[in-house]
Amino acid sequence: MNFLAHAYFADGDAERIVGQFCGDFVRGSDLSAYSIGIQRGIRMHRQIDAFTDRHSAVLGVRPLFVPPLRRLAGVVTDVVYDHCLAVAWPNYSDHGFDPYIEEVTEALLQHKQQVPERMQGFIDFMIKHKVLQANQSFAGVEVTLQRLSGRSGVFAPLAHAAAVVEANMGAIQASFDEFFPELQAHVDGLRATEAQ
C-alpha cells in the first residue's frame, strides 16, 4: 500500500499517521528515538506491507506486468491501490476525503522536526504537489508513476506503466476489492493484539 492507505490505517491519530509515513524512511528495529505512537505507526506500516506483499489478490495482478515492469509490479500496485481507495473513499471512511487529508497534513507538519531529514523534504514536496489529493484521478496515478520513474535506472520502466494499468484497470480494481477488506480485518486483528 502507498501513503494514502497507510494514513488511512492510522485512524486519525497524529503520531500514528507520522509513524505510518516514517515506515518508508526509517530502517532497522531500534525505534527508541521515536515516541510510542510513532513507533506503533512504523510497526503497523511494516506489518501492512508484509501482509500486502504476500496476499494472493496482490500477487495475482503481477503477471499483468511483463518485463521490465514485472519486477516493479508491487510499486505500481501500491500506487494504483491508493487511487482505488481515494475514488471509493466514502465506502471506507465516515470522514470526508479533503478534511482527512488536512488532518494528515497537520499531523505531519506538527511532528516534522521529529522525523528523518529525507522525510522532512518529502513532506514539503507532498504538500506542495498535493500528492495525496492526486490519488483521486487517474491523471494523478500517471504523474506519480512518472515521478517514480525518474528515481533511478531501475525505476525507469515506470514511465510506461500507466498505459499498462489503464489497459488492465478492471482486473486491478477487482484485486483491490478482494484484498482491501481482508487487509482491514488483518489490521483490526493487529490493533486488538496491540491493545492487550
N, C-alpha and C. Protein backbone atom coordinates (compact mmCIF):
# COMPACT_ATOMS: atom_id res chain seq x y z
N MET A 1 0.84 -1.18 0.00
CA MET A 1 0.00 0.00 0.00
C MET A 1 0.89 1.24 0.00
N ASN A 2 0.34 2.33 -0.50
CA ASN A 2 1.12 3.56 -0.57
C ASN A 2 0.67 4.53 0.53
N PHE A 3 1.06 5.77 0.45
CA PHE A 3 0.90 6.72 1.56
C PHE A 3 -0.54 6.93 2.01
N LEU A 4 -1.48 7.01 1.06
CA LEU A 4 -2.86 7.27 1.45
C LEU A 4 -3.40 6.13 2.30
N ALA A 5 -3.19 4.91 1.88
CA ALA A 5 -3.69 3.76 2.63
C ALA A 5 -3.03 3.66 3.99
N HIS A 6 -1.74 3.92 4.05
CA HIS A 6 -1.06 3.88 5.35
C HIS A 6 -1.64 4.95 6.28
N ALA A 7 -1.90 6.13 5.76
CA ALA A 7 -2.50 7.18 6.58
C ALA A 7 -3.89 6.77 7.04
N TYR A 8 -4.64 6.13 6.16
CA TYR A 8 -5.98 5.67 6.48
C TYR A 8 -5.97 4.74 7.71
N PHE A 9 -5.00 3.86 7.77
CA PHE A 9 -4.94 2.89 8.86
C PHE A 9 -4.39 3.47 10.17
N ALA A 10 -4.05 4.75 10.16
CA ALA A 10 -3.65 5.41 11.40
C ALA A 10 -4.86 5.91 12.19
N ASP A 11 -6.04 5.82 11.60
CA ASP A 11 -7.30 6.17 12.28
C ASP A 11 -7.31 7.59 12.85
N GLY A 12 -6.65 8.52 12.18
CA GLY A 12 -6.69 9.90 12.61
C GLY A 12 -5.81 10.24 13.79
N ASP A 13 -5.05 9.28 14.29
CA ASP A 13 -4.13 9.53 15.40
C ASP A 13 -2.86 10.17 14.83
N ALA A 14 -2.54 11.38 15.28
CA ALA A 14 -1.45 12.17 14.67
C ALA A 14 -0.12 11.43 14.69
N GLU A 15 0.25 10.86 15.83
CA GLU A 15 1.56 10.19 15.91
C GLU A 15 1.59 8.93 15.06
N ARG A 16 0.48 8.22 15.02
CA ARG A 16 0.43 7.01 14.18
C ARG A 16 0.50 7.38 12.69
N ILE A 17 -0.12 8.50 12.33
CA ILE A 17 -0.01 8.97 10.95
C ILE A 17 1.46 9.19 10.60
N VAL A 18 2.16 9.90 11.48
CA VAL A 18 3.59 10.18 11.24
C VAL A 18 4.36 8.87 11.16
N GLY A 19 4.08 7.95 12.07
CA GLY A 19 4.75 6.65 12.05
C GLY A 19 4.48 5.88 10.78
N GLN A 20 3.24 5.92 10.30
CA GLN A 20 2.91 5.22 9.07
C GLN A 20 3.72 5.78 7.89
N PHE A 21 3.93 7.09 7.87
CA PHE A 21 4.76 7.69 6.83
C PHE A 21 6.23 7.35 7.04
N CYS A 22 6.65 7.33 8.29
CA CYS A 22 8.05 7.01 8.61
C CYS A 22 8.45 5.62 8.13
N GLY A 23 7.47 4.74 7.98
CA GLY A 23 7.77 3.37 7.59
C GLY A 23 8.62 3.25 6.35
N ASP A 24 8.52 4.21 5.44
CA ASP A 24 9.33 4.19 4.22
C ASP A 24 10.66 4.92 4.37
N PHE A 25 10.89 5.51 5.53
CA PHE A 25 12.09 6.32 5.71
C PHE A 25 12.96 5.87 6.88
N VAL A 26 12.45 4.97 7.70
CA VAL A 26 13.19 4.51 8.89
C VAL A 26 13.54 3.04 8.71
N ARG A 27 14.79 2.71 8.92
CA ARG A 27 15.25 1.33 8.80
C ARG A 27 15.64 0.80 10.17
N GLY A 28 15.68 -0.51 10.28
CA GLY A 28 16.17 -1.15 11.50
C GLY A 28 15.09 -1.35 12.55
N SER A 29 15.45 -2.05 13.60
CA SER A 29 14.49 -2.39 14.65
C SER A 29 14.56 -1.46 15.85
N ASP A 30 15.62 -0.67 15.95
CA ASP A 30 15.72 0.26 17.09
C ASP A 30 14.93 1.53 16.77
N LEU A 31 13.77 1.63 17.38
CA LEU A 31 12.89 2.79 17.14
C LEU A 31 12.84 3.70 18.36
N SER A 32 13.80 3.55 19.26
CA SER A 32 13.76 4.26 20.53
C SER A 32 13.85 5.78 20.39
N ALA A 33 14.26 6.27 19.22
CA ALA A 33 14.35 7.72 19.01
C ALA A 33 12.96 8.34 18.82
N TYR A 34 11.93 7.51 18.71
CA TYR A 34 10.59 7.99 18.40
C TYR A 34 9.63 7.75 19.56
N SER A 35 8.59 8.55 19.62
CA SER A 35 7.55 8.36 20.65
C SER A 35 6.87 7.01 20.45
N ILE A 36 6.15 6.55 21.47
CA ILE A 36 5.45 5.27 21.39
C ILE A 36 4.45 5.28 20.24
N GLY A 37 3.72 6.39 20.07
CA GLY A 37 2.73 6.46 18.99
C GLY A 37 3.37 6.35 17.62
N ILE A 38 4.49 7.02 17.42
CA ILE A 38 5.19 6.94 16.13
C ILE A 38 5.76 5.53 15.93
N GLN A 39 6.30 4.95 16.98
CA GLN A 39 6.80 3.57 16.90
C GLN A 39 5.70 2.62 16.45
N ARG A 40 4.51 2.78 17.04
CA ARG A 40 3.39 1.90 16.67
C ARG A 40 3.00 2.09 15.21
N GLY A 41 3.06 3.34 14.74
CA GLY A 41 2.76 3.60 13.34
C GLY A 41 3.77 2.94 12.40
N ILE A 42 5.05 3.01 12.77
CA ILE A 42 6.11 2.38 11.96
C ILE A 42 5.90 0.87 11.91
N ARG A 43 5.65 0.27 13.07
CA ARG A 43 5.45 -1.18 13.11
C ARG A 43 4.21 -1.59 12.31
N MET A 44 3.14 -0.80 12.43
CA MET A 44 1.92 -1.10 11.67
C MET A 44 2.21 -1.01 10.17
N HIS A 45 2.94 0.01 9.76
CA HIS A 45 3.32 0.17 8.34
C HIS A 45 4.02 -1.11 7.85
N ARG A 46 4.96 -1.59 8.62
CA ARG A 46 5.72 -2.77 8.22
C ARG A 46 4.84 -4.01 8.16
N GLN A 47 3.91 -4.13 9.10
CA GLN A 47 3.01 -5.29 9.10
C GLN A 47 2.03 -5.23 7.93
N ILE A 48 1.57 -4.03 7.60
CA ILE A 48 0.69 -3.86 6.44
C ILE A 48 1.44 -4.24 5.16
N ASP A 49 2.67 -3.78 5.02
CA ASP A 49 3.45 -4.10 3.83
C ASP A 49 3.69 -5.61 3.71
N ALA A 50 4.01 -6.25 4.82
CA ALA A 50 4.26 -7.69 4.80
C ALA A 50 3.00 -8.46 4.38
N PHE A 51 1.85 -8.07 4.92
CA PHE A 51 0.59 -8.72 4.56
C PHE A 51 0.28 -8.50 3.09
N THR A 52 0.46 -7.26 2.62
CA THR A 52 0.18 -6.92 1.23
C THR A 52 1.04 -7.72 0.27
N ASP A 53 2.33 -7.79 0.57
CA ASP A 53 3.28 -8.41 -0.35
C ASP A 53 3.05 -9.91 -0.56
N ARG A 54 2.35 -10.56 0.38
CA ARG A 54 2.13 -12.00 0.23
C ARG A 54 0.67 -12.37 -0.05
N HIS A 55 -0.20 -11.36 -0.19
CA HIS A 55 -1.62 -11.65 -0.41
C HIS A 55 -1.86 -12.14 -1.84
N SER A 56 -2.69 -13.16 -1.97
CA SER A 56 -2.92 -13.78 -3.28
C SER A 56 -3.53 -12.80 -4.30
N ALA A 57 -4.40 -11.91 -3.85
CA ALA A 57 -5.02 -10.96 -4.79
C ALA A 57 -4.00 -9.98 -5.34
N VAL A 58 -3.04 -9.61 -4.51
CA VAL A 58 -1.97 -8.70 -4.95
C VAL A 58 -1.02 -9.44 -5.88
N LEU A 59 -0.63 -10.63 -5.49
CA LEU A 59 0.27 -11.43 -6.32
C LEU A 59 -0.38 -11.78 -7.65
N GLY A 60 -1.71 -11.88 -7.64
CA GLY A 60 -2.42 -12.27 -8.86
C GLY A 60 -2.36 -11.26 -9.98
N VAL A 61 -2.11 -9.98 -9.66
CA VAL A 61 -2.05 -8.98 -10.73
C VAL A 61 -0.64 -8.82 -11.30
N ARG A 62 0.35 -9.39 -10.64
CA ARG A 62 1.73 -9.20 -11.12
C ARG A 62 1.94 -9.69 -12.55
N PRO A 63 1.35 -10.83 -12.94
CA PRO A 63 1.56 -11.27 -14.33
C PRO A 63 1.04 -10.30 -15.38
N LEU A 64 0.20 -9.34 -15.00
CA LEU A 64 -0.27 -8.34 -15.95
C LEU A 64 0.87 -7.44 -16.43
N PHE A 65 1.94 -7.39 -15.64
CA PHE A 65 3.06 -6.51 -15.93
C PHE A 65 4.22 -7.35 -16.48
N VAL A 66 4.45 -7.24 -17.77
CA VAL A 66 5.51 -8.02 -18.39
C VAL A 66 6.85 -7.32 -18.15
N PRO A 67 7.97 -8.08 -18.21
CA PRO A 67 9.27 -7.43 -18.06
C PRO A 67 9.44 -6.31 -19.07
N PRO A 68 10.10 -5.21 -18.69
CA PRO A 68 10.81 -4.98 -17.43
C PRO A 68 9.94 -4.45 -16.28
N LEU A 69 8.63 -4.32 -16.51
CA LEU A 69 7.76 -3.81 -15.45
C LEU A 69 7.47 -4.85 -14.37
N ARG A 70 7.64 -6.13 -14.68
CA ARG A 70 7.27 -7.20 -13.75
C ARG A 70 7.92 -7.00 -12.38
N ARG A 71 9.19 -6.66 -12.35
CA ARG A 71 9.89 -6.54 -11.05
C ARG A 71 9.43 -5.30 -10.28
N LEU A 72 8.71 -4.40 -10.95
CA LEU A 72 8.19 -3.20 -10.29
C LEU A 72 6.67 -3.26 -10.10
N ALA A 73 6.11 -4.45 -10.31
CA ALA A 73 4.65 -4.60 -10.21
C ALA A 73 4.14 -4.22 -8.83
N GLY A 74 4.89 -4.53 -7.80
CA GLY A 74 4.47 -4.17 -6.44
C GLY A 74 4.38 -2.67 -6.24
N VAL A 75 5.32 -1.95 -6.82
CA VAL A 75 5.32 -0.48 -6.73
C VAL A 75 4.09 0.08 -7.45
N VAL A 76 3.85 -0.43 -8.65
CA VAL A 76 2.71 0.05 -9.43
C VAL A 76 1.41 -0.25 -8.70
N THR A 77 1.30 -1.46 -8.19
CA THR A 77 0.07 -1.86 -7.48
C THR A 77 -0.16 -0.98 -6.27
N ASP A 78 0.87 -0.68 -5.52
CA ASP A 78 0.73 0.21 -4.36
C ASP A 78 0.14 1.56 -4.76
N VAL A 79 0.65 2.12 -5.84
CA VAL A 79 0.18 3.43 -6.31
C VAL A 79 -1.27 3.35 -6.77
N VAL A 80 -1.60 2.32 -7.52
CA VAL A 80 -2.95 2.19 -8.07
C VAL A 80 -3.96 1.87 -6.96
N TYR A 81 -3.56 1.08 -5.99
CA TYR A 81 -4.46 0.79 -4.87
C TYR A 81 -4.81 2.07 -4.10
N ASP A 82 -3.87 2.98 -3.96
CA ASP A 82 -4.20 4.26 -3.33
C ASP A 82 -5.25 5.01 -4.14
N HIS A 83 -5.14 4.92 -5.45
CA HIS A 83 -6.16 5.53 -6.32
C HIS A 83 -7.52 4.87 -6.10
N CYS A 84 -7.53 3.54 -6.03
CA CYS A 84 -8.79 2.82 -5.80
C CYS A 84 -9.41 3.23 -4.46
N LEU A 85 -8.58 3.39 -3.45
CA LEU A 85 -9.08 3.81 -2.13
C LEU A 85 -9.63 5.23 -2.20
N ALA A 86 -8.91 6.13 -2.85
CA ALA A 86 -9.34 7.53 -2.93
C ALA A 86 -10.68 7.66 -3.65
N VAL A 87 -10.84 6.93 -4.74
CA VAL A 87 -12.08 7.00 -5.53
C VAL A 87 -13.27 6.46 -4.73
N ALA A 88 -13.02 5.43 -3.94
CA ALA A 88 -14.10 4.80 -3.16
C ALA A 88 -14.09 5.25 -1.70
N TRP A 89 -13.43 6.35 -1.40
CA TRP A 89 -13.24 6.79 -0.01
C TRP A 89 -14.51 6.76 0.84
N PRO A 90 -15.66 7.26 0.34
CA PRO A 90 -16.88 7.25 1.17
C PRO A 90 -17.31 5.84 1.59
N ASN A 91 -16.88 4.82 0.85
CA ASN A 91 -17.22 3.43 1.21
C ASN A 91 -16.39 2.93 2.39
N TYR A 92 -15.29 3.60 2.66
CA TYR A 92 -14.35 3.11 3.67
C TYR A 92 -14.20 4.03 4.87
N SER A 93 -14.67 5.27 4.74
CA SER A 93 -14.47 6.22 5.84
C SER A 93 -15.67 7.13 6.00
N ASP A 94 -15.98 7.46 7.26
CA ASP A 94 -17.04 8.42 7.56
C ASP A 94 -16.53 9.86 7.46
N HIS A 95 -15.20 10.03 7.40
CA HIS A 95 -14.59 11.35 7.29
C HIS A 95 -14.50 11.73 5.81
N GLY A 96 -14.80 12.97 5.50
CA GLY A 96 -14.63 13.45 4.14
C GLY A 96 -13.18 13.35 3.70
N PHE A 97 -12.95 13.15 2.41
CA PHE A 97 -11.60 12.95 1.90
C PHE A 97 -10.73 14.18 2.16
N ASP A 98 -11.18 15.35 1.73
CA ASP A 98 -10.37 16.55 1.88
C ASP A 98 -10.09 16.90 3.34
N PRO A 99 -11.10 16.85 4.23
CA PRO A 99 -10.80 17.10 5.65
C PRO A 99 -9.79 16.11 6.23
N TYR A 100 -9.86 14.85 5.77
CA TYR A 100 -8.91 13.87 6.30
C TYR A 100 -7.49 14.19 5.82
N ILE A 101 -7.36 14.59 4.57
CA ILE A 101 -6.03 14.96 4.06
C ILE A 101 -5.49 16.16 4.84
N GLU A 102 -6.35 17.09 5.19
CA GLU A 102 -5.93 18.22 6.02
C GLU A 102 -5.43 17.74 7.39
N GLU A 103 -6.12 16.77 7.97
CA GLU A 103 -5.70 16.19 9.25
C GLU A 103 -4.32 15.55 9.13
N VAL A 104 -4.13 14.79 8.07
CA VAL A 104 -2.84 14.12 7.83
C VAL A 104 -1.73 15.16 7.68
N THR A 105 -2.00 16.18 6.89
CA THR A 105 -1.02 17.25 6.66
C THR A 105 -0.65 17.94 7.96
N GLU A 106 -1.66 18.25 8.76
CA GLU A 106 -1.42 18.91 10.04
C GLU A 106 -0.57 18.03 10.96
N ALA A 107 -0.84 16.74 10.99
CA ALA A 107 -0.07 15.82 11.83
C ALA A 107 1.39 15.78 11.39
N LEU A 108 1.61 15.72 10.08
CA LEU A 108 2.98 15.66 9.57
C LEU A 108 3.75 16.95 9.86
N LEU A 109 3.08 18.07 9.70
CA LEU A 109 3.75 19.34 9.98
C LEU A 109 4.03 19.51 11.47
N GLN A 110 3.10 19.07 12.30
CA GLN A 110 3.25 19.18 13.75
C GLN A 110 4.46 18.39 14.26
N HIS A 111 4.75 17.26 13.61
CA HIS A 111 5.82 16.37 14.08
C HIS A 111 7.02 16.37 13.12
N LYS A 112 7.07 17.35 12.23
CA LYS A 112 8.08 17.34 11.17
C LYS A 112 9.51 17.28 11.70
N GLN A 113 9.79 17.96 12.79
CA GLN A 113 11.16 18.00 13.31
C GLN A 113 11.57 16.68 13.98
N GLN A 114 10.64 15.77 14.16
CA GLN A 114 10.93 14.50 14.82
C GLN A 114 11.21 13.37 13.84
N VAL A 115 11.17 13.66 12.56
CA VAL A 115 11.33 12.60 11.56
C VAL A 115 12.65 12.78 10.81
N PRO A 116 13.11 11.74 10.11
CA PRO A 116 14.36 11.85 9.36
C PRO A 116 14.34 13.01 8.36
N GLU A 117 15.50 13.55 8.11
CA GLU A 117 15.61 14.73 7.24
C GLU A 117 15.05 14.46 5.84
N ARG A 118 15.32 13.28 5.33
CA ARG A 118 14.82 12.93 3.99
C ARG A 118 13.29 12.96 3.96
N MET A 119 12.68 12.53 5.07
CA MET A 119 11.22 12.56 5.14
C MET A 119 10.71 13.99 5.26
N GLN A 120 11.44 14.85 5.93
CA GLN A 120 11.04 16.25 6.03
C GLN A 120 10.92 16.87 4.63
N GLY A 121 11.89 16.55 3.79
CA GLY A 121 11.84 17.05 2.42
C GLY A 121 10.65 16.49 1.66
N PHE A 122 10.35 15.22 1.91
CA PHE A 122 9.21 14.61 1.24
C PHE A 122 7.90 15.26 1.69
N ILE A 123 7.79 15.57 2.97
CA ILE A 123 6.57 16.22 3.48
C ILE A 123 6.34 17.53 2.72
N ASP A 124 7.40 18.32 2.59
CA ASP A 124 7.29 19.59 1.86
C ASP A 124 6.84 19.36 0.42
N PHE A 125 7.46 18.36 -0.22
CA PHE A 125 7.13 18.04 -1.61
C PHE A 125 5.68 17.58 -1.73
N MET A 126 5.28 16.70 -0.82
CA MET A 126 3.94 16.13 -0.85
C MET A 126 2.86 17.20 -0.71
N ILE A 127 3.11 18.14 0.20
CA ILE A 127 2.13 19.22 0.41
C ILE A 127 2.09 20.15 -0.80
N LYS A 128 3.27 20.54 -1.28
CA LYS A 128 3.35 21.46 -2.42
C LYS A 128 2.66 20.91 -3.66
N HIS A 129 2.87 19.61 -3.91
CA HIS A 129 2.34 18.99 -5.14
C HIS A 129 1.03 18.24 -4.92
N LYS A 130 0.46 18.37 -3.71
CA LYS A 130 -0.84 17.73 -3.40
C LYS A 130 -0.84 16.26 -3.79
N VAL A 131 0.19 15.56 -3.35
CA VAL A 131 0.38 14.15 -3.72
C VAL A 131 -0.80 13.28 -3.26
N LEU A 132 -1.25 13.46 -2.04
CA LEU A 132 -2.35 12.63 -1.55
C LEU A 132 -3.65 12.92 -2.30
N GLN A 133 -3.93 14.20 -2.55
CA GLN A 133 -5.13 14.58 -3.28
C GLN A 133 -5.13 14.04 -4.70
N ALA A 134 -3.94 13.93 -5.30
CA ALA A 134 -3.81 13.48 -6.69
C ALA A 134 -4.31 12.05 -6.88
N ASN A 135 -4.39 11.29 -5.79
CA ASN A 135 -4.87 9.91 -5.90
C ASN A 135 -6.30 9.81 -6.40
N GLN A 136 -7.05 10.91 -6.37
CA GLN A 136 -8.45 10.86 -6.77
C GLN A 136 -8.66 10.74 -8.28
N SER A 137 -7.62 10.98 -9.06
CA SER A 137 -7.77 10.89 -10.52
C SER A 137 -6.71 9.97 -11.11
N PHE A 138 -7.05 9.38 -12.26
CA PHE A 138 -6.07 8.53 -12.93
C PHE A 138 -4.89 9.36 -13.41
N ALA A 139 -5.14 10.62 -13.73
CA ALA A 139 -4.04 11.51 -14.13
C ALA A 139 -3.02 11.62 -12.99
N GLY A 140 -3.51 11.61 -11.75
CA GLY A 140 -2.61 11.64 -10.59
C GLY A 140 -1.75 10.40 -10.51
N VAL A 141 -2.34 9.25 -10.86
CA VAL A 141 -1.58 7.99 -10.91
C VAL A 141 -0.46 8.11 -11.95
N GLU A 142 -0.79 8.64 -13.10
CA GLU A 142 0.20 8.81 -14.17
C GLU A 142 1.36 9.69 -13.71
N VAL A 143 1.03 10.80 -13.06
CA VAL A 143 2.06 11.73 -12.58
C VAL A 143 2.96 11.05 -11.56
N THR A 144 2.35 10.31 -10.63
CA THR A 144 3.13 9.62 -9.60
C THR A 144 4.09 8.62 -10.23
N LEU A 145 3.60 7.83 -11.18
CA LEU A 145 4.45 6.83 -11.81
C LEU A 145 5.57 7.50 -12.61
N GLN A 146 5.27 8.61 -13.27
CA GLN A 146 6.31 9.35 -13.99
C GLN A 146 7.38 9.87 -13.03
N ARG A 147 6.95 10.41 -11.89
CA ARG A 147 7.92 10.90 -10.91
C ARG A 147 8.81 9.77 -10.41
N LEU A 148 8.18 8.64 -10.09
CA LEU A 148 8.95 7.50 -9.59
C LEU A 148 9.94 6.99 -10.64
N SER A 149 9.58 7.10 -11.91
CA SER A 149 10.46 6.60 -12.98
C SER A 149 11.78 7.37 -13.03
N GLY A 150 11.78 8.58 -12.49
CA GLY A 150 12.99 9.39 -12.52
C GLY A 150 13.94 9.12 -11.36
N ARG A 151 13.57 8.26 -10.45
CA ARG A 151 14.42 7.99 -9.28
C ARG A 151 15.76 7.37 -9.65
N SER A 152 15.71 6.40 -10.56
CA SER A 152 16.94 5.72 -10.96
C SER A 152 16.65 4.90 -12.20
N GLY A 153 17.70 4.32 -12.78
CA GLY A 153 17.52 3.47 -13.95
C GLY A 153 16.62 2.28 -13.66
N VAL A 154 16.67 1.77 -12.44
CA VAL A 154 15.84 0.63 -12.04
C VAL A 154 14.36 0.98 -12.16
N PHE A 155 14.02 2.22 -11.81
CA PHE A 155 12.63 2.65 -11.82
C PHE A 155 12.18 3.21 -13.17
N ALA A 156 13.09 3.35 -14.12
CA ALA A 156 12.78 3.97 -15.41
C ALA A 156 11.59 3.34 -16.13
N PRO A 157 11.39 2.00 -16.07
CA PRO A 157 10.24 1.41 -16.76
C PRO A 157 8.88 1.92 -16.28
N LEU A 158 8.84 2.53 -15.10
CA LEU A 158 7.56 3.06 -14.59
C LEU A 158 7.02 4.19 -15.46
N ALA A 159 7.86 4.76 -16.29
CA ALA A 159 7.41 5.82 -17.20
C ALA A 159 6.34 5.31 -18.15
N HIS A 160 6.31 4.00 -18.40
CA HIS A 160 5.35 3.41 -19.33
C HIS A 160 4.28 2.58 -18.61
N ALA A 161 4.27 2.65 -17.29
CA ALA A 161 3.37 1.79 -16.52
C ALA A 161 1.91 2.21 -16.62
N ALA A 162 1.64 3.50 -16.75
CA ALA A 162 0.25 3.97 -16.73
C ALA A 162 -0.58 3.34 -17.85
N ALA A 163 0.01 3.17 -19.01
CA ALA A 163 -0.73 2.57 -20.13
C ALA A 163 -1.10 1.12 -19.82
N VAL A 164 -0.20 0.41 -19.18
CA VAL A 164 -0.47 -0.99 -18.80
C VAL A 164 -1.56 -1.03 -17.74
N VAL A 165 -1.48 -0.11 -16.79
CA VAL A 165 -2.50 -0.04 -15.74
C VAL A 165 -3.86 0.24 -16.36
N GLU A 166 -3.92 1.23 -17.25
CA GLU A 166 -5.19 1.62 -17.86
C GLU A 166 -5.82 0.45 -18.61
N ALA A 167 -4.98 -0.32 -19.30
CA ALA A 167 -5.49 -1.46 -20.08
C ALA A 167 -5.99 -2.59 -19.19
N ASN A 168 -5.51 -2.62 -17.95
CA ASN A 168 -5.86 -3.71 -17.04
C ASN A 168 -6.57 -3.24 -15.78
N MET A 169 -7.16 -2.05 -15.84
CA MET A 169 -7.73 -1.45 -14.65
C MET A 169 -8.85 -2.30 -14.04
N GLY A 170 -9.61 -2.96 -14.87
CA GLY A 170 -10.68 -3.81 -14.35
C GLY A 170 -10.16 -4.90 -13.44
N ALA A 171 -9.10 -5.58 -13.88
CA ALA A 171 -8.51 -6.66 -13.09
C ALA A 171 -7.85 -6.12 -11.82
N ILE A 172 -7.19 -4.97 -11.93
CA ILE A 172 -6.54 -4.37 -10.76
C ILE A 172 -7.59 -3.92 -9.74
N GLN A 173 -8.67 -3.32 -10.23
CA GLN A 173 -9.76 -2.91 -9.34
C GLN A 173 -10.36 -4.12 -8.63
N ALA A 174 -10.56 -5.20 -9.36
CA ALA A 174 -11.13 -6.41 -8.76
C ALA A 174 -10.20 -6.96 -7.68
N SER A 175 -8.90 -6.89 -7.93
CA SER A 175 -7.96 -7.37 -6.92
C SER A 175 -7.99 -6.50 -5.68
N PHE A 176 -8.13 -5.19 -5.87
CA PHE A 176 -8.25 -4.29 -4.72
C PHE A 176 -9.51 -4.60 -3.93
N ASP A 177 -10.63 -4.79 -4.64
CA ASP A 177 -11.90 -5.05 -3.98
C ASP A 177 -11.86 -6.34 -3.16
N GLU A 178 -11.09 -7.31 -3.60
CA GLU A 178 -10.92 -8.55 -2.85
C GLU A 178 -9.97 -8.36 -1.68
N PHE A 179 -8.89 -7.65 -1.95
CA PHE A 179 -7.80 -7.53 -0.98
C PHE A 179 -8.10 -6.58 0.18
N PHE A 180 -8.65 -5.40 -0.11
CA PHE A 180 -8.69 -4.35 0.90
C PHE A 180 -9.53 -4.72 2.13
N PRO A 181 -10.70 -5.33 1.98
CA PRO A 181 -11.44 -5.74 3.18
C PRO A 181 -10.66 -6.74 4.03
N GLU A 182 -9.88 -7.59 3.38
CA GLU A 182 -9.07 -8.55 4.14
C GLU A 182 -7.93 -7.84 4.87
N LEU A 183 -7.38 -6.82 4.24
CA LEU A 183 -6.36 -6.01 4.92
C LEU A 183 -6.98 -5.30 6.12
N GLN A 184 -8.18 -4.77 5.95
CA GLN A 184 -8.86 -4.11 7.07
C GLN A 184 -9.04 -5.07 8.24
N ALA A 185 -9.47 -6.29 7.95
CA ALA A 185 -9.66 -7.29 9.00
C ALA A 185 -8.33 -7.63 9.67
N HIS A 186 -7.28 -7.72 8.86
CA HIS A 186 -5.95 -8.01 9.40
C HIS A 186 -5.49 -6.90 10.34
N VAL A 187 -5.68 -5.65 9.92
CA VAL A 187 -5.28 -4.51 10.76
C VAL A 187 -6.11 -4.47 12.04
N ASP A 188 -7.40 -4.79 11.94
CA ASP A 188 -8.24 -4.85 13.15
C ASP A 188 -7.67 -5.87 14.14
N GLY A 189 -7.21 -6.99 13.61
CA GLY A 189 -6.60 -8.02 14.46
C GLY A 189 -5.31 -7.54 15.10
N LEU A 190 -4.51 -6.82 14.35
CA LEU A 190 -3.27 -6.27 14.89
C LEU A 190 -3.56 -5.28 15.99
N ARG A 191 -4.57 -4.45 15.80
CA ARG A 191 -4.93 -3.45 16.83
C ARG A 191 -5.41 -4.14 18.10
N ALA A 192 -6.20 -5.21 17.94
CA ALA A 192 -6.72 -5.93 19.10
C ALA A 192 -5.57 -6.56 19.89
N THR A 193 -4.59 -7.08 19.20
CA THR A 193 -3.42 -7.66 19.86
C THR A 193 -2.61 -6.58 20.57
N GLU A 194 -2.47 -5.44 19.92
CA GLU A 194 -1.71 -4.32 20.48
C GLU A 194 -2.36 -3.81 21.76
N ALA A 195 -3.68 -3.85 21.81
CA ALA A 195 -4.42 -3.32 22.96
C ALA A 195 -4.34 -4.24 24.19
N GLN A 196 -3.93 -5.48 23.99
CA GLN A 196 -3.88 -6.44 25.12
C GLN A 196 -2.71 -6.18 26.05
